[in-house]
PDBML (XML) file of the C-alpha atoms, coordinates in Angstrom:
<?xml version="1.0" encoding="UTF-8" ?>
<PDBx:datablock datablockName="MODEL"
   xmlns:PDBx="http://pdbml.pdb.org/schema/pdbx-v50.xsd"
   xmlns:xsi="http://www.w3.org/2001/XMLSchema-instance"
   xsi:schemaLocation="http://pdbml.pdb.org/schema/pdbx-v50.xsd pdbx-v50.xsd">
   <PDBx:atom_siteCategory>
      <PDBx:atom_site id="1">
         <PDBx:B_iso_or_equiv>0.00</PDBx:B_iso_or_equiv>
         <PDBx:Cartn_x>-2.805</PDBx:Cartn_x>
         <PDBx:Cartn_y>11.455</PDBx:Cartn_y>
         <PDBx:Cartn_z>-3.930</PDBx:Cartn_z>
         <PDBx:auth_asym_id>A</PDBx:auth_asym_id>
         <PDBx:auth_atom_id>CA</PDBx:auth_atom_id>
         <PDBx:auth_comp_id>ALA</PDBx:auth_comp_id>
         <PDBx:auth_seq_id>1</PDBx:auth_seq_id>
         <PDBx:group_PDB>ATOM</PDBx:group_PDB>
         <PDBx:label_alt_id xsi:nil="true" />
         <PDBx:label_asym_id>A</PDBx:label_asym_id>
         <PDBx:label_atom_id>CA</PDBx:label_atom_id>
         <PDBx:label_comp_id>ALA</PDBx:label_comp_id>
         <PDBx:label_entity_id>1</PDBx:label_entity_id>
         <PDBx:label_seq_id>1</PDBx:label_seq_id>
         <PDBx:occupancy>1.00</PDBx:occupancy>
         <PDBx:pdbx_PDB_model_num>1</PDBx:pdbx_PDB_model_num>
         <PDBx:type_symbol>C</PDBx:type_symbol>
      </PDBx:atom_site>
      <PDBx:atom_site id="2">
         <PDBx:B_iso_or_equiv>0.00</PDBx:B_iso_or_equiv>
         <PDBx:Cartn_x>-3.497</PDBx:Cartn_x>
         <PDBx:Cartn_y>8.224</PDBx:Cartn_y>
         <PDBx:Cartn_z>-5.798</PDBx:Cartn_z>
         <PDBx:auth_asym_id>A</PDBx:auth_asym_id>
         <PDBx:auth_atom_id>CA</PDBx:auth_atom_id>
         <PDBx:auth_comp_id>ASP</PDBx:auth_comp_id>
         <PDBx:auth_seq_id>2</PDBx:auth_seq_id>
         <PDBx:group_PDB>ATOM</PDBx:group_PDB>
         <PDBx:label_alt_id xsi:nil="true" />
         <PDBx:label_asym_id>A</PDBx:label_asym_id>
         <PDBx:label_atom_id>CA</PDBx:label_atom_id>
         <PDBx:label_comp_id>ASP</PDBx:label_comp_id>
         <PDBx:label_entity_id>1</PDBx:label_entity_id>
         <PDBx:label_seq_id>2</PDBx:label_seq_id>
         <PDBx:occupancy>1.00</PDBx:occupancy>
         <PDBx:pdbx_PDB_model_num>1</PDBx:pdbx_PDB_model_num>
         <PDBx:type_symbol>C</PDBx:type_symbol>
      </PDBx:atom_site>
      <PDBx:atom_site id="3">
         <PDBx:B_iso_or_equiv>0.00</PDBx:B_iso_or_equiv>
         <PDBx:Cartn_x>-3.642</PDBx:Cartn_x>
         <PDBx:Cartn_y>6.214</PDBx:Cartn_y>
         <PDBx:Cartn_z>-2.563</PDBx:Cartn_z>
         <PDBx:auth_asym_id>A</PDBx:auth_asym_id>
         <PDBx:auth_atom_id>CA</PDBx:auth_atom_id>
         <PDBx:auth_comp_id>ALA</PDBx:auth_comp_id>
         <PDBx:auth_seq_id>3</PDBx:auth_seq_id>
         <PDBx:group_PDB>ATOM</PDBx:group_PDB>
         <PDBx:label_alt_id xsi:nil="true" />
         <PDBx:label_asym_id>A</PDBx:label_asym_id>
         <PDBx:label_atom_id>CA</PDBx:label_atom_id>
         <PDBx:label_comp_id>ALA</PDBx:label_comp_id>
         <PDBx:label_entity_id>1</PDBx:label_entity_id>
         <PDBx:label_seq_id>3</PDBx:label_seq_id>
         <PDBx:occupancy>1.00</PDBx:occupancy>
         <PDBx:pdbx_PDB_model_num>1</PDBx:pdbx_PDB_model_num>
         <PDBx:type_symbol>C</PDBx:type_symbol>
      </PDBx:atom_site>
      <PDBx:atom_site id="4">
         <PDBx:B_iso_or_equiv>0.00</PDBx:B_iso_or_equiv>
         <PDBx:Cartn_x>-4.420</PDBx:Cartn_x>
         <PDBx:Cartn_y>7.222</PDBx:Cartn_y>
         <PDBx:Cartn_z>1.015</PDBx:Cartn_z>
         <PDBx:auth_asym_id>A</PDBx:auth_asym_id>
         <PDBx:auth_atom_id>CA</PDBx:auth_atom_id>
         <PDBx:auth_comp_id>VAL</PDBx:auth_comp_id>
         <PDBx:auth_seq_id>4</PDBx:auth_seq_id>
         <PDBx:group_PDB>ATOM</PDBx:group_PDB>
         <PDBx:label_alt_id xsi:nil="true" />
         <PDBx:label_asym_id>A</PDBx:label_asym_id>
         <PDBx:label_atom_id>CA</PDBx:label_atom_id>
         <PDBx:label_comp_id>VAL</PDBx:label_comp_id>
         <PDBx:label_entity_id>1</PDBx:label_entity_id>
         <PDBx:label_seq_id>4</PDBx:label_seq_id>
         <PDBx:occupancy>1.00</PDBx:occupancy>
         <PDBx:pdbx_PDB_model_num>1</PDBx:pdbx_PDB_model_num>
         <PDBx:type_symbol>C</PDBx:type_symbol>
      </PDBx:atom_site>
      <PDBx:atom_site id="5">
         <PDBx:B_iso_or_equiv>0.00</PDBx:B_iso_or_equiv>
         <PDBx:Cartn_x>-3.258</PDBx:Cartn_x>
         <PDBx:Cartn_y>5.474</PDBx:Cartn_y>
         <PDBx:Cartn_z>4.188</PDBx:Cartn_z>
         <PDBx:auth_asym_id>A</PDBx:auth_asym_id>
         <PDBx:auth_atom_id>CA</PDBx:auth_atom_id>
         <PDBx:auth_comp_id>ILE</PDBx:auth_comp_id>
         <PDBx:auth_seq_id>5</PDBx:auth_seq_id>
         <PDBx:group_PDB>ATOM</PDBx:group_PDB>
         <PDBx:label_alt_id xsi:nil="true" />
         <PDBx:label_asym_id>A</PDBx:label_asym_id>
         <PDBx:label_atom_id>CA</PDBx:label_atom_id>
         <PDBx:label_comp_id>ILE</PDBx:label_comp_id>
         <PDBx:label_entity_id>1</PDBx:label_entity_id>
         <PDBx:label_seq_id>5</PDBx:label_seq_id>
         <PDBx:occupancy>1.00</PDBx:occupancy>
         <PDBx:pdbx_PDB_model_num>1</PDBx:pdbx_PDB_model_num>
         <PDBx:type_symbol>C</PDBx:type_symbol>
      </PDBx:atom_site>
      <PDBx:atom_site id="6">
         <PDBx:B_iso_or_equiv>0.00</PDBx:B_iso_or_equiv>
         <PDBx:Cartn_x>-6.149</PDBx:Cartn_x>
         <PDBx:Cartn_y>5.836</PDBx:Cartn_y>
         <PDBx:Cartn_z>6.631</PDBx:Cartn_z>
         <PDBx:auth_asym_id>A</PDBx:auth_asym_id>
         <PDBx:auth_atom_id>CA</PDBx:auth_atom_id>
         <PDBx:auth_comp_id>MET</PDBx:auth_comp_id>
         <PDBx:auth_seq_id>6</PDBx:auth_seq_id>
         <PDBx:group_PDB>ATOM</PDBx:group_PDB>
         <PDBx:label_alt_id xsi:nil="true" />
         <PDBx:label_asym_id>A</PDBx:label_asym_id>
         <PDBx:label_atom_id>CA</PDBx:label_atom_id>
         <PDBx:label_comp_id>MET</PDBx:label_comp_id>
         <PDBx:label_entity_id>1</PDBx:label_entity_id>
         <PDBx:label_seq_id>6</PDBx:label_seq_id>
         <PDBx:occupancy>1.00</PDBx:occupancy>
         <PDBx:pdbx_PDB_model_num>1</PDBx:pdbx_PDB_model_num>
         <PDBx:type_symbol>C</PDBx:type_symbol>
      </PDBx:atom_site>
      <PDBx:atom_site id="7">
         <PDBx:B_iso_or_equiv>0.00</PDBx:B_iso_or_equiv>
         <PDBx:Cartn_x>-4.284</PDBx:Cartn_x>
         <PDBx:Cartn_y>4.828</PDBx:Cartn_y>
         <PDBx:Cartn_z>9.808</PDBx:Cartn_z>
         <PDBx:auth_asym_id>A</PDBx:auth_asym_id>
         <PDBx:auth_atom_id>CA</PDBx:auth_atom_id>
         <PDBx:auth_comp_id>VAL</PDBx:auth_comp_id>
         <PDBx:auth_seq_id>7</PDBx:auth_seq_id>
         <PDBx:group_PDB>ATOM</PDBx:group_PDB>
         <PDBx:label_alt_id xsi:nil="true" />
         <PDBx:label_asym_id>A</PDBx:label_asym_id>
         <PDBx:label_atom_id>CA</PDBx:label_atom_id>
         <PDBx:label_comp_id>VAL</PDBx:label_comp_id>
         <PDBx:label_entity_id>1</PDBx:label_entity_id>
         <PDBx:label_seq_id>7</PDBx:label_seq_id>
         <PDBx:occupancy>1.00</PDBx:occupancy>
         <PDBx:pdbx_PDB_model_num>1</PDBx:pdbx_PDB_model_num>
         <PDBx:type_symbol>C</PDBx:type_symbol>
      </PDBx:atom_site>
      <PDBx:atom_site id="8">
         <PDBx:B_iso_or_equiv>0.00</PDBx:B_iso_or_equiv>
         <PDBx:Cartn_x>-1.448</PDBx:Cartn_x>
         <PDBx:Cartn_y>6.637</PDBx:Cartn_y>
         <PDBx:Cartn_z>11.530</PDBx:Cartn_z>
         <PDBx:auth_asym_id>A</PDBx:auth_asym_id>
         <PDBx:auth_atom_id>CA</PDBx:auth_atom_id>
         <PDBx:auth_comp_id>ASP</PDBx:auth_comp_id>
         <PDBx:auth_seq_id>8</PDBx:auth_seq_id>
         <PDBx:group_PDB>ATOM</PDBx:group_PDB>
         <PDBx:label_alt_id xsi:nil="true" />
         <PDBx:label_asym_id>A</PDBx:label_asym_id>
         <PDBx:label_atom_id>CA</PDBx:label_atom_id>
         <PDBx:label_comp_id>ASP</PDBx:label_comp_id>
         <PDBx:label_entity_id>1</PDBx:label_entity_id>
         <PDBx:label_seq_id>8</PDBx:label_seq_id>
         <PDBx:occupancy>1.00</PDBx:occupancy>
         <PDBx:pdbx_PDB_model_num>1</PDBx:pdbx_PDB_model_num>
         <PDBx:type_symbol>C</PDBx:type_symbol>
      </PDBx:atom_site>
      <PDBx:atom_site id="9">
         <PDBx:B_iso_or_equiv>0.00</PDBx:B_iso_or_equiv>
         <PDBx:Cartn_x>1.233</PDBx:Cartn_x>
         <PDBx:Cartn_y>4.188</PDBx:Cartn_y>
         <PDBx:Cartn_z>10.425</PDBx:Cartn_z>
         <PDBx:auth_asym_id>A</PDBx:auth_asym_id>
         <PDBx:auth_atom_id>CA</PDBx:auth_atom_id>
         <PDBx:auth_comp_id>SER</PDBx:auth_comp_id>
         <PDBx:auth_seq_id>9</PDBx:auth_seq_id>
         <PDBx:group_PDB>ATOM</PDBx:group_PDB>
         <PDBx:label_alt_id xsi:nil="true" />
         <PDBx:label_asym_id>A</PDBx:label_asym_id>
         <PDBx:label_atom_id>CA</PDBx:label_atom_id>
         <PDBx:label_comp_id>SER</PDBx:label_comp_id>
         <PDBx:label_entity_id>1</PDBx:label_entity_id>
         <PDBx:label_seq_id>9</PDBx:label_seq_id>
         <PDBx:occupancy>1.00</PDBx:occupancy>
         <PDBx:pdbx_PDB_model_num>1</PDBx:pdbx_PDB_model_num>
         <PDBx:type_symbol>C</PDBx:type_symbol>
      </PDBx:atom_site>
      <PDBx:atom_site id="10">
         <PDBx:B_iso_or_equiv>0.00</PDBx:B_iso_or_equiv>
         <PDBx:Cartn_x>3.770</PDBx:Cartn_x>
         <PDBx:Cartn_y>4.122</PDBx:Cartn_y>
         <PDBx:Cartn_z>7.613</PDBx:Cartn_z>
         <PDBx:auth_asym_id>A</PDBx:auth_asym_id>
         <PDBx:auth_atom_id>CA</PDBx:auth_atom_id>
         <PDBx:auth_comp_id>LEU</PDBx:auth_comp_id>
         <PDBx:auth_seq_id>10</PDBx:auth_seq_id>
         <PDBx:group_PDB>ATOM</PDBx:group_PDB>
         <PDBx:label_alt_id xsi:nil="true" />
         <PDBx:label_asym_id>A</PDBx:label_asym_id>
         <PDBx:label_atom_id>CA</PDBx:label_atom_id>
         <PDBx:label_comp_id>LEU</PDBx:label_comp_id>
         <PDBx:label_entity_id>1</PDBx:label_entity_id>
         <PDBx:label_seq_id>10</PDBx:label_seq_id>
         <PDBx:occupancy>1.00</PDBx:occupancy>
         <PDBx:pdbx_PDB_model_num>1</PDBx:pdbx_PDB_model_num>
         <PDBx:type_symbol>C</PDBx:type_symbol>
      </PDBx:atom_site>
      <PDBx:atom_site id="11">
         <PDBx:B_iso_or_equiv>0.00</PDBx:B_iso_or_equiv>
         <PDBx:Cartn_x>3.547</PDBx:Cartn_x>
         <PDBx:Cartn_y>0.316</PDBx:Cartn_y>
         <PDBx:Cartn_z>7.395</PDBx:Cartn_z>
         <PDBx:auth_asym_id>A</PDBx:auth_asym_id>
         <PDBx:auth_atom_id>CA</PDBx:auth_atom_id>
         <PDBx:auth_comp_id>ALA</PDBx:auth_comp_id>
         <PDBx:auth_seq_id>11</PDBx:auth_seq_id>
         <PDBx:group_PDB>ATOM</PDBx:group_PDB>
         <PDBx:label_alt_id xsi:nil="true" />
         <PDBx:label_asym_id>A</PDBx:label_asym_id>
         <PDBx:label_atom_id>CA</PDBx:label_atom_id>
         <PDBx:label_comp_id>ALA</PDBx:label_comp_id>
         <PDBx:label_entity_id>1</PDBx:label_entity_id>
         <PDBx:label_seq_id>11</PDBx:label_seq_id>
         <PDBx:occupancy>1.00</PDBx:occupancy>
         <PDBx:pdbx_PDB_model_num>1</PDBx:pdbx_PDB_model_num>
         <PDBx:type_symbol>C</PDBx:type_symbol>
      </PDBx:atom_site>
      <PDBx:atom_site id="12">
         <PDBx:B_iso_or_equiv>0.00</PDBx:B_iso_or_equiv>
         <PDBx:Cartn_x>0.718</PDBx:Cartn_x>
         <PDBx:Cartn_y>0.682</PDBx:Cartn_y>
         <PDBx:Cartn_z>4.871</PDBx:Cartn_z>
         <PDBx:auth_asym_id>A</PDBx:auth_asym_id>
         <PDBx:auth_atom_id>CA</PDBx:auth_atom_id>
         <PDBx:auth_comp_id>GLY</PDBx:auth_comp_id>
         <PDBx:auth_seq_id>12</PDBx:auth_seq_id>
         <PDBx:group_PDB>ATOM</PDBx:group_PDB>
         <PDBx:label_alt_id xsi:nil="true" />
         <PDBx:label_asym_id>A</PDBx:label_asym_id>
         <PDBx:label_atom_id>CA</PDBx:label_atom_id>
         <PDBx:label_comp_id>GLY</PDBx:label_comp_id>
         <PDBx:label_entity_id>1</PDBx:label_entity_id>
         <PDBx:label_seq_id>12</PDBx:label_seq_id>
         <PDBx:occupancy>1.00</PDBx:occupancy>
         <PDBx:pdbx_PDB_model_num>1</PDBx:pdbx_PDB_model_num>
         <PDBx:type_symbol>C</PDBx:type_symbol>
      </PDBx:atom_site>
      <PDBx:atom_site id="13">
         <PDBx:B_iso_or_equiv>0.00</PDBx:B_iso_or_equiv>
         <PDBx:Cartn_x>3.210</PDBx:Cartn_x>
         <PDBx:Cartn_y>1.890</PDBx:Cartn_y>
         <PDBx:Cartn_z>2.251</PDBx:Cartn_z>
         <PDBx:auth_asym_id>A</PDBx:auth_asym_id>
         <PDBx:auth_atom_id>CA</PDBx:auth_atom_id>
         <PDBx:auth_comp_id>VAL</PDBx:auth_comp_id>
         <PDBx:auth_seq_id>13</PDBx:auth_seq_id>
         <PDBx:group_PDB>ATOM</PDBx:group_PDB>
         <PDBx:label_alt_id xsi:nil="true" />
         <PDBx:label_asym_id>A</PDBx:label_asym_id>
         <PDBx:label_atom_id>CA</PDBx:label_atom_id>
         <PDBx:label_comp_id>VAL</PDBx:label_comp_id>
         <PDBx:label_entity_id>1</PDBx:label_entity_id>
         <PDBx:label_seq_id>13</PDBx:label_seq_id>
         <PDBx:occupancy>1.00</PDBx:occupancy>
         <PDBx:pdbx_PDB_model_num>1</PDBx:pdbx_PDB_model_num>
         <PDBx:type_symbol>C</PDBx:type_symbol>
      </PDBx:atom_site>
      <PDBx:atom_site id="14">
         <PDBx:B_iso_or_equiv>0.00</PDBx:B_iso_or_equiv>
         <PDBx:Cartn_x>5.133</PDBx:Cartn_x>
         <PDBx:Cartn_y>-1.389</PDBx:Cartn_y>
         <PDBx:Cartn_z>2.201</PDBx:Cartn_z>
         <PDBx:auth_asym_id>A</PDBx:auth_asym_id>
         <PDBx:auth_atom_id>CA</PDBx:auth_atom_id>
         <PDBx:auth_comp_id>ALA</PDBx:auth_comp_id>
         <PDBx:auth_seq_id>14</PDBx:auth_seq_id>
         <PDBx:group_PDB>ATOM</PDBx:group_PDB>
         <PDBx:label_alt_id xsi:nil="true" />
         <PDBx:label_asym_id>A</PDBx:label_asym_id>
         <PDBx:label_atom_id>CA</PDBx:label_atom_id>
         <PDBx:label_comp_id>ALA</PDBx:label_comp_id>
         <PDBx:label_entity_id>1</PDBx:label_entity_id>
         <PDBx:label_seq_id>14</PDBx:label_seq_id>
         <PDBx:occupancy>1.00</PDBx:occupancy>
         <PDBx:pdbx_PDB_model_num>1</PDBx:pdbx_PDB_model_num>
         <PDBx:type_symbol>C</PDBx:type_symbol>
      </PDBx:atom_site>
      <PDBx:atom_site id="15">
         <PDBx:B_iso_or_equiv>0.00</PDBx:B_iso_or_equiv>
         <PDBx:Cartn_x>1.900</PDBx:Cartn_x>
         <PDBx:Cartn_y>-3.394</PDBx:Cartn_y>
         <PDBx:Cartn_z>2.322</PDBx:Cartn_z>
         <PDBx:auth_asym_id>A</PDBx:auth_asym_id>
         <PDBx:auth_atom_id>CA</PDBx:auth_atom_id>
         <PDBx:auth_comp_id>ARG</PDBx:auth_comp_id>
         <PDBx:auth_seq_id>15</PDBx:auth_seq_id>
         <PDBx:group_PDB>ATOM</PDBx:group_PDB>
         <PDBx:label_alt_id xsi:nil="true" />
         <PDBx:label_asym_id>A</PDBx:label_asym_id>
         <PDBx:label_atom_id>CA</PDBx:label_atom_id>
         <PDBx:label_comp_id>ARG</PDBx:label_comp_id>
         <PDBx:label_entity_id>1</PDBx:label_entity_id>
         <PDBx:label_seq_id>15</PDBx:label_seq_id>
         <PDBx:occupancy>1.00</PDBx:occupancy>
         <PDBx:pdbx_PDB_model_num>1</PDBx:pdbx_PDB_model_num>
         <PDBx:type_symbol>C</PDBx:type_symbol>
      </PDBx:atom_site>
      <PDBx:atom_site id="16">
         <PDBx:B_iso_or_equiv>0.00</PDBx:B_iso_or_equiv>
         <PDBx:Cartn_x>0.507</PDBx:Cartn_x>
         <PDBx:Cartn_y>-1.415</PDBx:Cartn_y>
         <PDBx:Cartn_z>-0.615</PDBx:Cartn_z>
         <PDBx:auth_asym_id>A</PDBx:auth_asym_id>
         <PDBx:auth_atom_id>CA</PDBx:auth_atom_id>
         <PDBx:auth_comp_id>LEU</PDBx:auth_comp_id>
         <PDBx:auth_seq_id>16</PDBx:auth_seq_id>
         <PDBx:group_PDB>ATOM</PDBx:group_PDB>
         <PDBx:label_alt_id xsi:nil="true" />
         <PDBx:label_asym_id>A</PDBx:label_asym_id>
         <PDBx:label_atom_id>CA</PDBx:label_atom_id>
         <PDBx:label_comp_id>LEU</PDBx:label_comp_id>
         <PDBx:label_entity_id>1</PDBx:label_entity_id>
         <PDBx:label_seq_id>16</PDBx:label_seq_id>
         <PDBx:occupancy>1.00</PDBx:occupancy>
         <PDBx:pdbx_PDB_model_num>1</PDBx:pdbx_PDB_model_num>
         <PDBx:type_symbol>C</PDBx:type_symbol>
      </PDBx:atom_site>
      <PDBx:atom_site id="17">
         <PDBx:B_iso_or_equiv>0.00</PDBx:B_iso_or_equiv>
         <PDBx:Cartn_x>3.551</PDBx:Cartn_x>
         <PDBx:Cartn_y>-2.083</PDBx:Cartn_y>
         <PDBx:Cartn_z>-2.802</PDBx:Cartn_z>
         <PDBx:auth_asym_id>A</PDBx:auth_asym_id>
         <PDBx:auth_atom_id>CA</PDBx:auth_atom_id>
         <PDBx:auth_comp_id>VAL</PDBx:auth_comp_id>
         <PDBx:auth_seq_id>17</PDBx:auth_seq_id>
         <PDBx:group_PDB>ATOM</PDBx:group_PDB>
         <PDBx:label_alt_id xsi:nil="true" />
         <PDBx:label_asym_id>A</PDBx:label_asym_id>
         <PDBx:label_atom_id>CA</PDBx:label_atom_id>
         <PDBx:label_comp_id>VAL</PDBx:label_comp_id>
         <PDBx:label_entity_id>1</PDBx:label_entity_id>
         <PDBx:label_seq_id>17</PDBx:label_seq_id>
         <PDBx:occupancy>1.00</PDBx:occupancy>
         <PDBx:pdbx_PDB_model_num>1</PDBx:pdbx_PDB_model_num>
         <PDBx:type_symbol>C</PDBx:type_symbol>
      </PDBx:atom_site>
      <PDBx:atom_site id="18">
         <PDBx:B_iso_or_equiv>0.00</PDBx:B_iso_or_equiv>
         <PDBx:Cartn_x>3.462</PDBx:Cartn_x>
         <PDBx:Cartn_y>-5.792</PDBx:Cartn_y>
         <PDBx:Cartn_z>-1.919</PDBx:Cartn_z>
         <PDBx:auth_asym_id>A</PDBx:auth_asym_id>
         <PDBx:auth_atom_id>CA</PDBx:auth_atom_id>
         <PDBx:auth_comp_id>THR</PDBx:auth_comp_id>
         <PDBx:auth_seq_id>18</PDBx:auth_seq_id>
         <PDBx:group_PDB>ATOM</PDBx:group_PDB>
         <PDBx:label_alt_id xsi:nil="true" />
         <PDBx:label_asym_id>A</PDBx:label_asym_id>
         <PDBx:label_atom_id>CA</PDBx:label_atom_id>
         <PDBx:label_comp_id>THR</PDBx:label_comp_id>
         <PDBx:label_entity_id>1</PDBx:label_entity_id>
         <PDBx:label_seq_id>18</PDBx:label_seq_id>
         <PDBx:occupancy>1.00</PDBx:occupancy>
         <PDBx:pdbx_PDB_model_num>1</PDBx:pdbx_PDB_model_num>
         <PDBx:type_symbol>C</PDBx:type_symbol>
      </PDBx:atom_site>
      <PDBx:atom_site id="19">
         <PDBx:B_iso_or_equiv>0.00</PDBx:B_iso_or_equiv>
         <PDBx:Cartn_x>-0.253</PDBx:Cartn_x>
         <PDBx:Cartn_y>-5.988</PDBx:Cartn_y>
         <PDBx:Cartn_z>-2.751</PDBx:Cartn_z>
         <PDBx:auth_asym_id>A</PDBx:auth_asym_id>
         <PDBx:auth_atom_id>CA</PDBx:auth_atom_id>
         <PDBx:auth_comp_id>ILE</PDBx:auth_comp_id>
         <PDBx:auth_seq_id>19</PDBx:auth_seq_id>
         <PDBx:group_PDB>ATOM</PDBx:group_PDB>
         <PDBx:label_alt_id xsi:nil="true" />
         <PDBx:label_asym_id>A</PDBx:label_asym_id>
         <PDBx:label_atom_id>CA</PDBx:label_atom_id>
         <PDBx:label_comp_id>ILE</PDBx:label_comp_id>
         <PDBx:label_entity_id>1</PDBx:label_entity_id>
         <PDBx:label_seq_id>19</PDBx:label_seq_id>
         <PDBx:occupancy>1.00</PDBx:occupancy>
         <PDBx:pdbx_PDB_model_num>1</PDBx:pdbx_PDB_model_num>
         <PDBx:type_symbol>C</PDBx:type_symbol>
      </PDBx:atom_site>
      <PDBx:atom_site id="20">
         <PDBx:B_iso_or_equiv>0.00</PDBx:B_iso_or_equiv>
         <PDBx:Cartn_x>0.336</PDBx:Cartn_x>
         <PDBx:Cartn_y>-4.164</PDBx:Cartn_y>
         <PDBx:Cartn_z>-6.046</PDBx:Cartn_z>
         <PDBx:auth_asym_id>A</PDBx:auth_asym_id>
         <PDBx:auth_atom_id>CA</PDBx:auth_atom_id>
         <PDBx:auth_comp_id>ALA</PDBx:auth_comp_id>
         <PDBx:auth_seq_id>20</PDBx:auth_seq_id>
         <PDBx:group_PDB>ATOM</PDBx:group_PDB>
         <PDBx:label_alt_id xsi:nil="true" />
         <PDBx:label_asym_id>A</PDBx:label_asym_id>
         <PDBx:label_atom_id>CA</PDBx:label_atom_id>
         <PDBx:label_comp_id>ALA</PDBx:label_comp_id>
         <PDBx:label_entity_id>1</PDBx:label_entity_id>
         <PDBx:label_seq_id>20</PDBx:label_seq_id>
         <PDBx:occupancy>1.00</PDBx:occupancy>
         <PDBx:pdbx_PDB_model_num>1</PDBx:pdbx_PDB_model_num>
         <PDBx:type_symbol>C</PDBx:type_symbol>
      </PDBx:atom_site>
      <PDBx:atom_site id="21">
         <PDBx:B_iso_or_equiv>0.00</PDBx:B_iso_or_equiv>
         <PDBx:Cartn_x>3.004</PDBx:Cartn_x>
         <PDBx:Cartn_y>-6.627</PDBx:Cartn_y>
         <PDBx:Cartn_z>-7.152</PDBx:Cartn_z>
         <PDBx:auth_asym_id>A</PDBx:auth_asym_id>
         <PDBx:auth_atom_id>CA</PDBx:auth_atom_id>
         <PDBx:auth_comp_id>ARG</PDBx:auth_comp_id>
         <PDBx:auth_seq_id>21</PDBx:auth_seq_id>
         <PDBx:group_PDB>ATOM</PDBx:group_PDB>
         <PDBx:label_alt_id xsi:nil="true" />
         <PDBx:label_asym_id>A</PDBx:label_asym_id>
         <PDBx:label_atom_id>CA</PDBx:label_atom_id>
         <PDBx:label_comp_id>ARG</PDBx:label_comp_id>
         <PDBx:label_entity_id>1</PDBx:label_entity_id>
         <PDBx:label_seq_id>21</PDBx:label_seq_id>
         <PDBx:occupancy>1.00</PDBx:occupancy>
         <PDBx:pdbx_PDB_model_num>1</PDBx:pdbx_PDB_model_num>
         <PDBx:type_symbol>C</PDBx:type_symbol>
      </PDBx:atom_site>
      <PDBx:atom_site id="22">
         <PDBx:B_iso_or_equiv>0.00</PDBx:B_iso_or_equiv>
         <PDBx:Cartn_x>0.902</PDBx:Cartn_x>
         <PDBx:Cartn_y>-9.659</PDBx:Cartn_y>
         <PDBx:Cartn_z>-6.322</PDBx:Cartn_z>
         <PDBx:auth_asym_id>A</PDBx:auth_asym_id>
         <PDBx:auth_atom_id>CA</PDBx:auth_atom_id>
         <PDBx:auth_comp_id>GLN</PDBx:auth_comp_id>
         <PDBx:auth_seq_id>22</PDBx:auth_seq_id>
         <PDBx:group_PDB>ATOM</PDBx:group_PDB>
         <PDBx:label_alt_id xsi:nil="true" />
         <PDBx:label_asym_id>A</PDBx:label_asym_id>
         <PDBx:label_atom_id>CA</PDBx:label_atom_id>
         <PDBx:label_comp_id>GLN</PDBx:label_comp_id>
         <PDBx:label_entity_id>1</PDBx:label_entity_id>
         <PDBx:label_seq_id>22</PDBx:label_seq_id>
         <PDBx:occupancy>1.00</PDBx:occupancy>
         <PDBx:pdbx_PDB_model_num>1</PDBx:pdbx_PDB_model_num>
         <PDBx:type_symbol>C</PDBx:type_symbol>
      </PDBx:atom_site>
      <PDBx:atom_site id="23">
         <PDBx:B_iso_or_equiv>0.00</PDBx:B_iso_or_equiv>
         <PDBx:Cartn_x>-2.194</PDBx:Cartn_x>
         <PDBx:Cartn_y>-8.130</PDBx:Cartn_y>
         <PDBx:Cartn_z>-7.954</PDBx:Cartn_z>
         <PDBx:auth_asym_id>A</PDBx:auth_asym_id>
         <PDBx:auth_atom_id>CA</PDBx:auth_atom_id>
         <PDBx:auth_comp_id>THR</PDBx:auth_comp_id>
         <PDBx:auth_seq_id>23</PDBx:auth_seq_id>
         <PDBx:group_PDB>ATOM</PDBx:group_PDB>
         <PDBx:label_alt_id xsi:nil="true" />
         <PDBx:label_asym_id>A</PDBx:label_asym_id>
         <PDBx:label_atom_id>CA</PDBx:label_atom_id>
         <PDBx:label_comp_id>THR</PDBx:label_comp_id>
         <PDBx:label_entity_id>1</PDBx:label_entity_id>
         <PDBx:label_seq_id>23</PDBx:label_seq_id>
         <PDBx:occupancy>1.00</PDBx:occupancy>
         <PDBx:pdbx_PDB_model_num>1</PDBx:pdbx_PDB_model_num>
         <PDBx:type_symbol>C</PDBx:type_symbol>
      </PDBx:atom_site>
      <PDBx:atom_site id="24">
         <PDBx:B_iso_or_equiv>0.00</PDBx:B_iso_or_equiv>
         <PDBx:Cartn_x>-0.411</PDBx:Cartn_x>
         <PDBx:Cartn_y>-7.477</PDBx:Cartn_y>
         <PDBx:Cartn_z>-11.238</PDBx:Cartn_z>
         <PDBx:auth_asym_id>A</PDBx:auth_asym_id>
         <PDBx:auth_atom_id>CA</PDBx:auth_atom_id>
         <PDBx:auth_comp_id>VAL</PDBx:auth_comp_id>
         <PDBx:auth_seq_id>24</PDBx:auth_seq_id>
         <PDBx:group_PDB>ATOM</PDBx:group_PDB>
         <PDBx:label_alt_id xsi:nil="true" />
         <PDBx:label_asym_id>A</PDBx:label_asym_id>
         <PDBx:label_atom_id>CA</PDBx:label_atom_id>
         <PDBx:label_comp_id>VAL</PDBx:label_comp_id>
         <PDBx:label_entity_id>1</PDBx:label_entity_id>
         <PDBx:label_seq_id>24</PDBx:label_seq_id>
         <PDBx:occupancy>1.00</PDBx:occupancy>
         <PDBx:pdbx_PDB_model_num>1</PDBx:pdbx_PDB_model_num>
         <PDBx:type_symbol>C</PDBx:type_symbol>
      </PDBx:atom_site>
      <PDBx:atom_site id="25">
         <PDBx:B_iso_or_equiv>0.00</PDBx:B_iso_or_equiv>
         <PDBx:Cartn_x>1.085</PDBx:Cartn_x>
         <PDBx:Cartn_y>-10.970</PDBx:Cartn_y>
         <PDBx:Cartn_z>-11.159</PDBx:Cartn_z>
         <PDBx:auth_asym_id>A</PDBx:auth_asym_id>
         <PDBx:auth_atom_id>CA</PDBx:auth_atom_id>
         <PDBx:auth_comp_id>ARG</PDBx:auth_comp_id>
         <PDBx:auth_seq_id>25</PDBx:auth_seq_id>
         <PDBx:group_PDB>ATOM</PDBx:group_PDB>
         <PDBx:label_alt_id xsi:nil="true" />
         <PDBx:label_asym_id>A</PDBx:label_asym_id>
         <PDBx:label_atom_id>CA</PDBx:label_atom_id>
         <PDBx:label_comp_id>ARG</PDBx:label_comp_id>
         <PDBx:label_entity_id>1</PDBx:label_entity_id>
         <PDBx:label_seq_id>25</PDBx:label_seq_id>
         <PDBx:occupancy>1.00</PDBx:occupancy>
         <PDBx:pdbx_PDB_model_num>1</PDBx:pdbx_PDB_model_num>
         <PDBx:type_symbol>C</PDBx:type_symbol>
      </PDBx:atom_site>
   </PDBx:atom_siteCategory>
</PDBx:datablock>
């Protein structure tokens, strides 16, 4: 994988995409 969620929760996926969009902006 290119990214790994280290906690047992799927919420990290949405957070990662949000962070990516703000970072690129």
